[in-house]
């Protein structure tokens, strides 16, 4: 069934690549991937990819520049080795924050990276929870955009909480649509944090908009946790307004800057992220749990390879065209 499929892993997240390979029952291609003394990336494939359907697995999270450049070199390697089709599997798409010109003399880095990936020779992109969905349009090639929300909801649904005791809180006005999808899947009511950004690195939460959350279990969702400032500020507001328990869920656990200190400063029952990125916190908070997206990515790879619809992966209210 997989005679012409080749899986190749970069160094950004080998564990996820191994889990995807295990799901598919396909070994990762043998290769030599190392750095020259000056830091340049050296790649040599020890696997014939001529005429094969290649999937390159590489999230472009920290260290972002190194991992992105490594991905581009891997694409070029496979293109020059005469791969029939190259699909880049980017569980976390870095450089996505700047997706528009919101002031003068700033770049649109999401478009720049899309151009680099396309020019390097990729034929298709498979990614999870882009920071902004419109980034799909930056690529002049097919993009399959999966959602980690379904996996987070499946995890929290096991708590078996009655809807009348549950509230999903959007950490800011821009995340309302995401929060409403979680309400549809988990039940309960919706509330919104009024968040004001004071600088590129600092935000402050001012108020709670929505129903009464006194004595309820609150769920806070975001696409990523970076420094954790926003999500922890929202958790403090939820606690201030009387939530009895707080759960945090995010697809991407970037965890940089003072994330460890911020997470330790809030009373949260559980923090759940997917394994789109390796966990970089040391030590790991005892209430942090990681759930796997390897089966979802593996199934998407299987369906893309066999030219089947991937819409099956967009159930539970997260819709997508085939």
C-alpha atoms as a PDB file:
ATOM      1  CA  UNK A   1       0.000   0.000   0.000  1.00  0.00           C
ATOM      2  CA  UNK A   2       2.956   2.343   0.705  1.00  0.00           C
ATOM      3  CA  UNK A   3       5.373   1.172  -2.004  1.00  0.00           C
ATOM      4  CA  UNK A   4       6.059   4.717  -3.189  1.00  0.00           C
ATOM      5  CA  UNK A   5       5.815   6.577   0.154  1.00  0.00           C
ATOM      6  CA  UNK A   6       8.919   7.914   1.889  1.00  0.00           C
ATOM      7  CA  UNK A   7       8.964   9.594   5.310  1.00  0.00           C
ATOM      8  CA  UNK A   8      11.857  11.908   6.115  1.00  0.00           C
ATOM      9  CA  UNK A   9      12.420  13.588   9.469  1.00  0.00           C
ATOM     10  CA  UNK A  10      14.354  16.730  10.219  1.00  0.00           C
ATOM     11  CA  UNK A  11      15.946  17.264  13.612  1.00  0.00           C
ATOM     12  CA  UNK A  12      13.283  19.607  15.018  1.00  0.00           C
ATOM     13  CA  UNK A  13      11.067  16.871  16.482  1.00  0.00           C
ATOM     14  CA  UNK A  14      12.292  13.309  15.798  1.00  0.00           C
ATOM     15  CA  UNK A  15       9.939  11.775  18.392  1.00  0.00           C
ATOM     16  CA  UNK A  16       6.846  13.005  16.539  1.00  0.00           C
ATOM     17  CA  UNK A  17       8.278  11.729  13.252  1.00  0.00           C
ATOM     18  CA  UNK A  18       8.883   8.319  14.828  1.00  0.00           C
ATOM     19  CA  UNK A  19       5.301   8.207  16.144  1.00  0.00           C
ATOM     20  CA  UNK A  20       3.913   9.085  12.693  1.00  0.00           C
ATOM     21  CA  UNK A  21       6.098   6.399  11.130  1.00  0.00           C
ATOM     22  CA  UNK A  22       4.853   3.882  13.692  1.00  0.00           C
ATOM     23  CA  UNK A  23       1.232   4.799  12.950  1.00  0.00           C
ATOM     24  CA  UNK A  24       1.773   4.236   9.233  1.00  0.00           C
ATOM     25  CA  UNK A  25       4.019   1.208   9.626  1.00  0.00           C
ATOM     26  CA  UNK A  26       6.631   2.897   7.409  1.00  0.00           C
ATOM     27  CA  UNK A  27      10.254   3.364   8.508  1.00  0.00           C
ATOM     28  CA  UNK A  28      11.882   6.776   8.398  1.00  0.00           C
ATOM     29  CA  UNK A  29      14.351   7.177   5.537  1.00  0.00           C
ATOM     30  CA  UNK A  30      18.008   6.776   6.406  1.00  0.00           C
ATOM     31  CA  UNK A  31      19.992   9.977   6.117  1.00  0.00           C
ATOM     32  CA  UNK A  32      23.028  11.854   7.399  1.00  0.00           C
ATOM     33  CA  UNK A  33      22.022  15.184   8.892  1.00  0.00           C
ATOM     34  CA  UNK A  34      24.657  17.220  10.700  1.00  0.00           C
ATOM     35  CA  UNK A  35      26.273  20.664  10.946  1.00  0.00           C
ATOM     36  CA  UNK A  36      29.536  21.895   9.491  1.00  0.00           C
ATOM     37  CA  UNK A  37      31.863  23.539  12.048  1.00  0.00           C
ATOM     38  CA  UNK A  38      30.587  26.989  11.004  1.00  0.00           C
ATOM     39  CA  UNK A  39      26.975  25.995  11.677  1.00  0.00           C
ATOM     40  CA  UNK A  40      25.842  25.294   8.100  1.00  0.00           C
ATOM     41  CA  UNK A  41      23.519  22.306   7.711  1.00  0.00           C
ATOM     42  CA  UNK A  42      24.812  19.235   5.880  1.00  0.00           C
ATOM     43  CA  UNK A  43      22.354  16.695   4.442  1.00  0.00           C
ATOM     44  CA  UNK A  44      22.871  13.399   2.612  1.00  0.00           C
ATOM     45  CA  UNK A  45      20.023  11.016   1.883  1.00  0.00           C
ATOM     46  CA  UNK A  46      20.952   7.340   2.137  1.00  0.00           C
ATOM     47  CA  UNK A  47      17.617   6.364   0.601  1.00  0.00           C
ATOM     48  CA  UNK A  48      16.455   6.364  -3.014  1.00  0.00           C
ATOM     49  CA  UNK A  49      13.564   8.833  -3.449  1.00  0.00           C
ATOM     50  CA  UNK A  50      13.451   8.888  -7.273  1.00  0.00           C
ATOM     51  CA  UNK A  51       9.811   8.800  -8.349  1.00  0.00           C
ATOM     52  CA  UNK A  52       8.576   8.553  -4.758  1.00  0.00           C
ATOM     53  CA  UNK A  53       5.929  10.417  -2.746  1.00  0.00           C
ATOM     54  CA  UNK A  54       8.028  12.146  -0.079  1.00  0.00           C
ATOM     55  CA  UNK A  55       6.732  13.613   3.201  1.00  0.00           C
ATOM     56  CA  UNK A  56       9.193  15.857   5.071  1.00  0.00           C
ATOM     57  CA  UNK A  57       8.309  16.216   8.762  1.00  0.00           C
ATOM     58  CA  UNK A  58       9.718  19.354  10.384  1.00  0.00           C
ATOM     59  CA  UNK A  59       7.994  21.880  12.680  1.00  0.00           C
ATOM     60  CA  UNK A  60       9.614  25.297  12.391  1.00  0.00           C
ATOM     61  CA  UNK A  61       9.548  26.145  16.080  1.00  0.00           C
ATOM     62  CA  UNK A  62      12.496  27.055  18.306  1.00  0.00           C
ATOM     63  CA  UNK A  63      15.244  27.246  17.133  1.00  0.00           C
ATOM     64  CA  UNK A  64      13.145  28.752  14.345  1.00  0.00           C
ATOM     65  CA  UNK A  65      15.847  29.952  11.947  1.00  0.00           C
ATOM     66  CA  UNK A  66      17.829  26.719  12.111  1.00  0.00           C
ATOM     67  CA  UNK A  67      14.774  24.495  11.715  1.00  0.00           C
ATOM     68  CA  UNK A  68      13.384  26.532   8.819  1.00  0.00           C
ATOM     69  CA  UNK A  69      16.694  26.515   6.953  1.00  0.00           C
ATOM     70  CA  UNK A  70      17.045  22.792   7.552  1.00  0.00           C
ATOM     71  CA  UNK A  71      13.569  22.236   6.075  1.00  0.00           C
ATOM     72  CA  UNK A  72      14.462  24.244   2.955  1.00  0.00           C
ATOM     73  CA  UNK A  73      17.665  22.225   2.497  1.00  0.00           C
ATOM     74  CA  UNK A  74      15.740  18.955   2.903  1.00  0.00           C
ATOM     75  CA  UNK A  75      13.256  20.068   0.234  1.00  0.00           C
ATOM     76  CA  UNK A  76      16.097  20.932  -2.129  1.00  0.00           C
ATOM     77  CA  UNK A  77      17.776  17.587  -1.428  1.00  0.00           C
ATOM     78  CA  UNK A  78      14.640  15.638  -2.344  1.00  0.00           C
ATOM     79  CA  UNK A  79      13.932  17.782  -5.403  1.00  0.00           C
ATOM     80  CA  UNK A  80      17.451  17.208  -6.765  1.00  0.00           C
ATOM     81  CA  UNK A  81      17.093  13.490  -6.004  1.00  0.00           C
ATOM     82  CA  UNK A  82      14.074  13.380  -8.385  1.00  0.00           C
ATOM     83  CA  UNK A  83      11.267  12.851  -5.865  1.00  0.00           C
ATOM     84  CA  UNK A  84       7.913  12.716  -7.674  1.00  0.00           C
ATOM     85  CA  UNK A  85       6.061  14.813  -5.063  1.00  0.00           C
ATOM     86  CA  UNK A  86       7.283  16.588  -1.935  1.00  0.00           C
ATOM     87  CA  UNK A  87       4.819  17.318   0.867  1.00  0.00           C
ATOM     88  CA  UNK A  88       6.174  19.335   3.788  1.00  0.00           C
ATOM     89  CA  UNK A  89       4.554  18.366   7.084  1.00  0.00           C
ATOM     90  CA  UNK A  90       4.879  21.413   9.348  1.00  0.00           C
ATOM     91  CA  UNK A  91       3.005  20.690  12.609  1.00  0.00           C
ATOM     92  CA  UNK A  92       3.932  24.179  13.849  1.00  0.00           C
ATOM     93  CA  UNK A  93       4.389  26.926  11.239  1.00  0.00           C
ATOM     94  CA  UNK A  94       6.854  29.518  12.513  1.00  0.00           C
ATOM     95  CA  UNK A  95       7.052  33.161  11.442  1.00  0.00           C
ATOM     96  CA  UNK A  96       3.241  33.261  11.309  1.00  0.00           C
ATOM     97  CA  UNK A  97       2.646  36.200  13.669  1.00  0.00           C
ATOM     98  CA  UNK A  98       3.387  38.863  11.062  1.00  0.00           C
ATOM     99  CA  UNK A  99       0.743  37.984   8.480  1.00  0.00           C
ATOM    100  CA  UNK A 100      -0.191  41.538   7.385  1.00  0.00           C
ATOM    101  CA  UNK A 101       1.158  45.089   7.338  1.00  0.00           C
ATOM    102  CA  UNK A 102      -0.457  46.597  10.410  1.00  0.00           C
ATOM    103  CA  UNK A 103       1.992  49.524  10.440  1.00  0.00           C
ATOM    104  CA  UNK A 104       4.564  51.097   8.164  1.00  0.00           C
ATOM    105  CA  UNK A 105       7.924  49.516   7.314  1.00  0.00           C
ATOM    106  CA  UNK A 106       7.224  46.015   8.609  1.00  0.00           C
ATOM    107  CA  UNK A 107       7.600  42.684   6.767  1.00  0.00           C
ATOM    108  CA  UNK A 108       4.971  40.037   6.105  1.00  0.00           C
ATOM    109  CA  UNK A 109       7.097  37.138   7.265  1.00  0.00           C
ATOM    110  CA  UNK A 110       4.373  34.493   6.866  1.00  0.00           C
ATOM    111  CA  UNK A 111       4.239  35.264   3.126  1.00  0.00           C
ATOM    112  CA  UNK A 112       8.037  35.326   2.899  1.00  0.00           C
ATOM    113  CA  UNK A 113       8.310  31.857   4.440  1.00  0.00           C
ATOM    114  CA  UNK A 114       5.542  30.552   2.159  1.00  0.00           C
ATOM    115  CA  UNK A 115       7.521  31.859  -0.816  1.00  0.00           C
ATOM    116  CA  UNK A 116      10.724  30.221   0.422  1.00  0.00           C
ATOM    117  CA  UNK A 117       9.046  26.834   0.866  1.00  0.00           C
ATOM    118  CA  UNK A 118       7.427  27.038  -2.572  1.00  0.00           C
ATOM    119  CA  UNK A 119      10.617  28.174  -4.315  1.00  0.00           C
ATOM    120  CA  UNK A 120      12.654  25.444  -2.614  1.00  0.00           C
ATOM    121  CA  UNK A 121      10.493  22.905  -4.437  1.00  0.00           C
ATOM    122  CA  UNK A 122       7.639  21.767  -2.177  1.00  0.00           C
ATOM    123  CA  UNK A 123       4.485  20.541  -3.937  1.00  0.00           C
ATOM    124  CA  UNK A 124       2.108  20.492  -0.975  1.00  0.00           C
ATOM    125  CA  UNK A 125       1.890  21.637   2.654  1.00  0.00           C
ATOM    126  CA  UNK A 126       0.324  19.833   5.615  1.00  0.00           C
ATOM    127  CA  UNK A 127       0.115  21.899   8.793  1.00  0.00           C
ATOM    128  CA  UNK A 128      -1.801  22.244  12.054  1.00  0.00           C
ATOM    129  CA  UNK A 129      -3.511  25.324  13.541  1.00  0.00           C
ATOM    130  CA  UNK A 130      -1.912  28.185  11.672  1.00  0.00           C
ATOM    131  CA  UNK A 131      -1.759  31.354  13.749  1.00  0.00           C
ATOM    132  CA  UNK A 132      -4.061  32.899  11.119  1.00  0.00           C
ATOM    133  CA  UNK A 133      -6.060  30.718   8.722  1.00  0.00           C
ATOM    134  CA  UNK A 134      -5.565  33.137   5.832  1.00  0.00           C
ATOM    135  CA  UNK A 135      -1.886  32.122   5.666  1.00  0.00           C
ATOM    136  CA  UNK A 136      -3.108  29.186   3.564  1.00  0.00           C
ATOM    137  CA  UNK A 137      -3.673  31.723   0.793  1.00  0.00           C
ATOM    138  CA  UNK A 138      -0.025  32.783   0.880  1.00  0.00           C
ATOM    139  CA  UNK A 139       0.915  29.486  -0.785  1.00  0.00           C
ATOM    140  CA  UNK A 140       0.488  28.923  -4.520  1.00  0.00           C
ATOM    141  CA  UNK A 141       0.180  25.198  -3.882  1.00  0.00           C
ATOM    142  CA  UNK A 142      -2.288  22.947  -2.020  1.00  0.00           C
ATOM    143  CA  UNK A 143      -2.434  23.348   1.769  1.00  0.00           C
ATOM    144  CA  UNK A 144      -4.122  20.895   4.140  1.00  0.00           C
ATOM    145  CA  UNK A 145      -4.827  22.766   7.374  1.00  0.00           C
ATOM    146  CA  UNK A 146      -5.677  20.452  10.278  1.00  0.00           C
ATOM    147  CA  UNK A 147      -6.953  21.460  13.709  1.00  0.00           C
ATOM    148  CA  UNK A 148      -5.684  20.298  17.085  1.00  0.00           C
ATOM    149  CA  UNK A 149      -8.892  21.458  18.805  1.00  0.00           C
ATOM    150  CA  UNK A 150     -10.598  18.133  18.197  1.00  0.00           C
ATOM    151  CA  UNK A 151      -7.825  16.287  20.045  1.00  0.00           C
ATOM    152  CA  UNK A 152      -7.948  18.723  22.975  1.00  0.00           C
ATOM    153  CA  UNK A 153     -11.747  18.445  23.161  1.00  0.00           C
ATOM    154  CA  UNK A 154     -11.552  14.633  23.125  1.00  0.00           C
ATOM    155  CA  UNK A 155      -9.208  14.827  26.104  1.00  0.00           C
ATOM    156  CA  UNK A 156     -11.349  17.236  28.139  1.00  0.00           C
ATOM    157  CA  UNK A 157     -14.583  15.422  27.277  1.00  0.00           C
ATOM    158  CA  UNK A 158     -13.362  12.536  29.438  1.00  0.00           C
ATOM    159  CA  UNK A 159     -13.971  14.739  32.500  1.00  0.00           C
ATOM    160  CA  UNK A 160     -17.720  14.157  31.946  1.00  0.00           C
ATOM    161  CA  UNK A 161     -18.678  17.587  33.226  1.00  0.00           C
ATOM    162  CA  UNK A 162     -22.353  18.658  32.992  1.00  0.00           C
ATOM    163  CA  UNK A 163     -22.819  21.571  30.541  1.00  0.00           C
ATOM    164  CA  UNK A 164     -24.424  23.777  33.187  1.00  0.00           C
ATOM    165  CA  UNK A 165     -21.170  23.680  35.181  1.00  0.00           C
ATOM    166  CA  UNK A 166     -18.910  24.461  32.224  1.00  0.00           C
ATOM    167  CA  UNK A 167     -17.783  27.722  30.657  1.00  0.00           C
ATOM    168  CA  UNK A 168     -15.378  28.165  27.739  1.00  0.00           C
ATOM    169  CA  UNK A 169     -13.499  31.457  27.997  1.00  0.00           C
ATOM    170  CA  UNK A 170     -11.972  33.153  24.983  1.00  0.00           C
ATOM    171  CA  UNK A 171      -8.678  34.772  26.130  1.00  0.00           C
ATOM    172  CA  UNK A 172      -9.266  37.702  23.741  1.00  0.00           C
ATOM    173  CA  UNK A 173     -11.743  38.991  21.172  1.00  0.00           C
ATOM    174  CA  UNK A 174      -9.784  37.454  18.286  1.00  0.00           C
ATOM    175  CA  UNK A 175     -10.260  33.928  19.641  1.00  0.00           C
ATOM    176  CA  UNK A 176     -14.060  34.037  19.921  1.00  0.00           C
ATOM    177  CA  UNK A 177     -14.648  31.831  16.883  1.00  0.00           C
ATOM    178  CA  UNK A 178     -12.253  29.200  18.232  1.00  0.00           C
ATOM    179  CA  UNK A 179     -13.939  29.336  21.648  1.00  0.00           C
ATOM    180  CA  UNK A 180     -17.396  28.915  20.099  1.00  0.00           C
ATOM    181  CA  UNK A 181     -16.232  25.739  18.353  1.00  0.00           C
ATOM    182  CA  UNK A 182     -15.085  24.373  21.715  1.00  0.00           C
ATOM    183  CA  UNK A 183     -18.465  25.278  23.229  1.00  0.00           C
ATOM    184  CA  UNK A 184     -20.145  23.316  20.437  1.00  0.00           C
ATOM    185  CA  UNK A 185     -18.007  20.272  21.211  1.00  0.00           C
ATOM    186  CA  UNK A 186     -17.833  20.451  25.017  1.00  0.00           C
ATOM    187  CA  UNK A 187     -21.089  22.200  25.845  1.00  0.00           C
ATOM    188  CA  UNK A 188     -21.484  24.960  28.402  1.00  0.00           C
ATOM    189  CA  UNK A 189     -21.535  28.728  28.005  1.00  0.00           C
ATOM    190  CA  UNK A 190     -19.163  31.259  26.472  1.00  0.00           C
ATOM    191  CA  UNK A 191     -17.322  34.158  28.115  1.00  0.00           C
ATOM    192  CA  UNK A 192     -14.742  36.555  26.692  1.00  0.00           C
ATOM    193  CA  UNK A 193     -11.716  38.225  28.259  1.00  0.00           C
ATOM    194  CA  UNK A 194     -11.249  41.874  27.334  1.00  0.00           C
ATOM    195  CA  UNK A 195      -7.526  41.887  26.492  1.00  0.00           C
ATOM    196  CA  UNK A 196      -5.533  45.037  25.717  1.00  0.00           C
ATOM    197  CA  UNK A 197      -2.033  44.799  24.189  1.00  0.00           C
ATOM    198  CA  UNK A 198       0.352  47.348  25.704  1.00  0.00           C
ATOM    199  CA  UNK A 199       3.429  46.318  23.660  1.00  0.00           C
ATOM    200  CA  UNK A 200       4.701  43.549  21.388  1.00  0.00           C
ATOM    201  CA  UNK A 201       5.510  41.417  24.430  1.00  0.00           C
ATOM    202  CA  UNK A 202       3.007  42.554  27.067  1.00  0.00           C
ATOM    203  CA  UNK A 203      -0.769  42.354  27.361  1.00  0.00           C
ATOM    204  CA  UNK A 204      -3.196  43.064  30.158  1.00  0.00           C
ATOM    205  CA  UNK A 205      -6.600  41.587  30.850  1.00  0.00           C
ATOM    206  CA  UNK A 206      -9.172  44.103  31.988  1.00  0.00           C
ATOM    207  CA  UNK A 207     -12.593  42.478  32.311  1.00  0.00           C
ATOM    208  CA  UNK A 208     -14.794  39.462  31.650  1.00  0.00           C
ATOM    209  CA  UNK A 209     -17.610  39.700  29.122  1.00  0.00           C
ATOM    210  CA  UNK A 210     -20.350  37.101  29.247  1.00  0.00           C
ATOM    211  CA  UNK A 211     -22.292  34.999  31.698  1.00  0.00           C
ATOM    212  CA  UNK A 212     -21.715  34.250  35.357  1.00  0.00           C
ATOM    213  CA  UNK A 213     -18.799  31.854  35.900  1.00  0.00           C
ATOM    214  CA  UNK A 214     -19.019  31.721  39.705  1.00  0.00           C
ATOM    215  CA  UNK A 215     -18.445  28.115  40.834  1.00  0.00           C
ATOM    216  CA  UNK A 216     -18.039  26.792  37.297  1.00  0.00           C
ATOM    217  CA  UNK A 217     -15.234  24.879  35.582  1.00  0.00           C
ATOM    218  CA  UNK A 218     -13.497  27.175  33.100  1.00  0.00           C
ATOM    219  CA  UNK A 219     -11.705  26.101  29.915  1.00  0.00           C
ATOM    220  CA  UNK A 220      -9.250  28.493  28.276  1.00  0.00           C
ATOM    221  CA  UNK A 221      -8.081  27.722  24.724  1.00  0.00           C
ATOM    222  CA  UNK A 222      -5.540  29.299  22.417  1.00  0.00           C
ATOM    223  CA  UNK A 223      -3.656  28.213  19.315  1.00  0.00           C
ATOM    224  CA  UNK A 224      -0.285  28.536  21.056  1.00  0.00           C
ATOM    225  CA  UNK A 225       1.313  29.238  24.413  1.00  0.00           C
ATOM    226  CA  UNK A 226       4.460  31.273  23.904  1.00  0.00           C
ATOM    227  CA  UNK A 227       5.477  33.256  27.002  1.00  0.00           C
ATOM    228  CA  UNK A 228       2.115  32.253  28.566  1.00  0.00           C
ATOM    229  CA  UNK A 229       1.466  35.862  29.558  1.00  0.00           C
ATOM    230  CA  UNK A 230      -1.899  36.148  27.817  1.00  0.00           C
ATOM    231  CA  UNK A 231      -3.308  32.783  28.830  1.00  0.00           C
ATOM    232  CA  UNK A 232      -2.138  33.159  32.445  1.00  0.00           C
ATOM    233  CA  UNK A 233      -3.605  36.666  32.640  1.00  0.00           C
ATOM    234  CA  UNK A 234      -6.907  35.221  31.414  1.00  0.00           C
ATOM    235  CA  UNK A 235      -6.697  32.448  34.010  1.00  0.00           C
ATOM    236  CA  UNK A 236      -6.230  35.009  36.780  1.00  0.00           C
ATOM    237  CA  UNK A 237      -9.324  36.895  35.578  1.00  0.00           C
ATOM    238  CA  UNK A 238     -11.300  33.626  35.537  1.00  0.00           C
ATOM    239  CA  UNK A 239     -10.205  32.908  39.099  1.00  0.00           C
ATOM    240  CA  UNK A 240     -11.033  36.452  40.155  1.00  0.00           C
ATOM    241  CA  UNK A 241     -14.579  36.006  38.834  1.00  0.00           C
ATOM    242  CA  UNK A 242     -15.085  32.809  40.800  1.00  0.00           C
ATOM    243  CA  UNK A 243     -14.197  29.834  38.570  1.00  0.00           C
ATOM    244  CA  UNK A 244     -13.733  26.802  40.811  1.00  0.00           C
ATOM    245  CA  UNK A 245     -11.375  24.991  38.437  1.00  0.00           C
ATOM    246  CA  UNK A 246      -9.436  26.144  35.381  1.00  0.00           C
ATOM    247  CA  UNK A 247      -8.146  24.063  32.481  1.00  0.00           C
ATOM    248  CA  UNK A 248      -5.873  25.454  29.762  1.00  0.00           C
ATOM    249  CA  UNK A 249      -5.616  23.917  26.299  1.00  0.00           C
ATOM    250  CA  UNK A 250      -3.433  24.905  23.346  1.00  0.00           C
ATOM    251  CA  UNK A 251      -2.290  23.199  20.176  1.00  0.00           C
ATOM    252  CA  UNK A 252       1.273  24.498  20.217  1.00  0.00           C
ATOM    253  CA  UNK A 253       3.384  24.572  23.372  1.00  0.00           C
ATOM    254  CA  UNK A 254       6.108  26.997  22.270  1.00  0.00           C
ATOM    255  CA  UNK A 255       7.051  27.822  25.897  1.00  0.00           C
ATOM    256  CA  UNK A 256       9.706  30.502  25.540  1.00  0.00           C
ATOM    257  CA  UNK A 257      10.840  33.503  27.571  1.00  0.00           C
ATOM    258  CA  UNK A 258       9.385  33.501  31.086  1.00  0.00           C
ATOM    259  CA  UNK A 259       6.707  30.883  30.304  1.00  0.00           C
ATOM    260  CA  UNK A 260       7.726  28.656  33.233  1.00  0.00           C
ATOM    261  CA  UNK A 261       7.379  31.492  35.748  1.00  0.00           C
ATOM    262  CA  UNK A 262       4.036  32.618  34.310  1.00  0.00           C
ATOM    263  CA  UNK A 263       2.570  29.104  34.378  1.00  0.00           C
ATOM    264  CA  UNK A 264       3.758  28.591  37.949  1.00  0.00           C
ATOM    265  CA  UNK A 265       2.039  31.815  39.027  1.00  0.00           C
ATOM    266  CA  UNK A 266      -1.544  30.683  38.307  1.00  0.00           C
ATOM    267  CA  UNK A 267      -3.840  28.180  40.006  1.00  0.00           C
ATOM    268  CA  UNK A 268      -4.659  25.883  37.082  1.00  0.00           C
ATOM    269  CA  UNK A 269      -5.802  22.267  37.386  1.00  0.00           C
ATOM    270  CA  UNK A 270      -4.303  21.111  34.091  1.00  0.00           C
ATOM    271  CA  UNK A 271      -2.438  22.548  31.092  1.00  0.00           C
ATOM    272  CA  UNK A 272      -2.808  20.445  27.946  1.00  0.00           C
ATOM    273  CA  UNK A 273      -0.834  20.911  24.720  1.00  0.00           C
ATOM    274  CA  UNK A 274      -0.267  18.668  21.714  1.00  0.00           C
ATOM    275  CA  UNK A 275       3.102  17.288  20.660  1.00  0.00           C
ATOM    276  CA  UNK A 276       3.335  19.549  17.594  1.00  0.00           C
ATOM    277  CA  UNK A 277       6.534  20.771  19.275  1.00  0.00           C
ATOM    278  CA  UNK A 278       8.857  19.034  21.749  1.00  0.00           C
ATOM    279  CA  UNK A 279       8.428  20.190  25.336  1.00  0.00           C
ATOM    280  CA  UNK A 280      11.177  22.656  26.194  1.00  0.00           C
ATOM    281  CA  UNK A 281      10.300  23.541  29.792  1.00  0.00           C
ATOM    282  CA  UNK A 282      12.750  22.374  32.430  1.00  0.00           C
ATOM    283  CA  UNK A 283      11.526  21.338  34.877  1.00  0.00           C
ATOM    284  CA  UNK A 284       8.125  20.406  33.456  1.00  0.00           C
ATOM    285  CA  UNK A 285       5.169  21.689  35.493  1.00  0.00           C
ATOM    286  CA  UNK A 286       3.431  18.757  37.247  1.00  0.00           C
ATOM    287  CA  UNK A 287       0.052  19.832  35.820  1.00  0.00           C
ATOM    288  CA  UNK A 288       1.288  19.881  32.198  1.00  0.00           C
ATOM    289  CA  UNK A 289       0.056  17.099  29.916  1.00  0.00           C
ATOM    290  CA  UNK A 290       0.868  16.443  26.265  1.00  0.00           C
ATOM    291  CA  UNK A 291      -1.520  14.698  23.858  1.00  0.00           C
ATOM    292  CA  UNK A 292      -0.409  13.329  20.502  1.00  0.00           C
ATOM    293  CA  UNK A 293      -1.313  14.566  17.022  1.00  0.00           C
ATOM    294  CA  UNK A 294       0.730  11.771  15.405  1.00  0.00           C
ATOM    295  CA  UNK A 295      -2.350   9.646  14.552  1.00  0.00           C
ATOM    296  CA  UNK A 296      -4.084  12.658  12.961  1.00  0.00           C
ATOM    297  CA  UNK A 297      -1.011  13.577  10.912  1.00  0.00           C
ATOM    298  CA  UNK A 298      -0.376   9.940  10.030  1.00  0.00           C
ATOM    299  CA  UNK A 299      -3.938   9.523   8.784  1.00  0.00           C
ATOM    300  CA  UNK A 300      -3.667  12.737   6.757  1.00  0.00           C
ATOM    301  CA  UNK A 301      -0.423  11.508   5.178  1.00  0.00           C
ATOM    302  CA  UNK A 302      -2.039   8.159   4.364  1.00  0.00           C
ATOM    303  CA  UNK A 303      -5.009   9.839   2.694  1.00  0.00           C
ATOM    304  CA  UNK A 304      -2.910  12.363   0.769  1.00  0.00           C
ATOM    305  CA  UNK A 305      -0.629   9.575  -0.465  1.00  0.00           C
ATOM    306  CA  UNK A 306      -3.630   7.565  -1.685  1.00  0.00           C
ATOM    307  CA  UNK A 307      -5.335  10.664  -3.161  1.00  0.00           C
ATOM    308  CA  UNK A 308      -8.272  10.301  -0.785  1.00  0.00           C
ATOM    309  CA  UNK A 309     -10.320  12.991   0.913  1.00  0.00           C
ATOM    310  CA  UNK A 310      -8.979  14.363   4.190  1.00  0.00           C
ATOM    311  CA  UNK A 311     -12.322  15.884   5.240  1.00  0.00           C
ATOM    312  CA  UNK A 312     -12.807  12.949   7.639  1.00  0.00           C
ATOM    313  CA  UNK A 313     -10.256  14.659   9.881  1.00  0.00           C
ATOM    314  CA  UNK A 314     -12.421  17.771  10.219  1.00  0.00           C
ATOM    315  CA  UNK A 315     -15.258  16.380  12.288  1.00  0.00           C
ATOM    316  CA  UNK A 316     -16.612  17.665  15.609  1.00  0.00           C
ATOM    317  CA  UNK A 317     -17.541  21.044  14.189  1.00  0.00           C
ATOM    318  CA  UNK A 318     -14.193  21.889  12.600  1.00  0.00           C
ATOM    319  CA  UNK A 319     -15.114  22.061   8.932  1.00  0.00           C
ATOM    320  CA  UNK A 320     -12.823  22.123   5.926  1.00  0.00           C
ATOM    321  CA  UNK A 321     -13.171  21.631   2.219  1.00  0.00           C
ATOM    322  CA  UNK A 322     -11.767  18.433   0.666  1.00  0.00           C
END
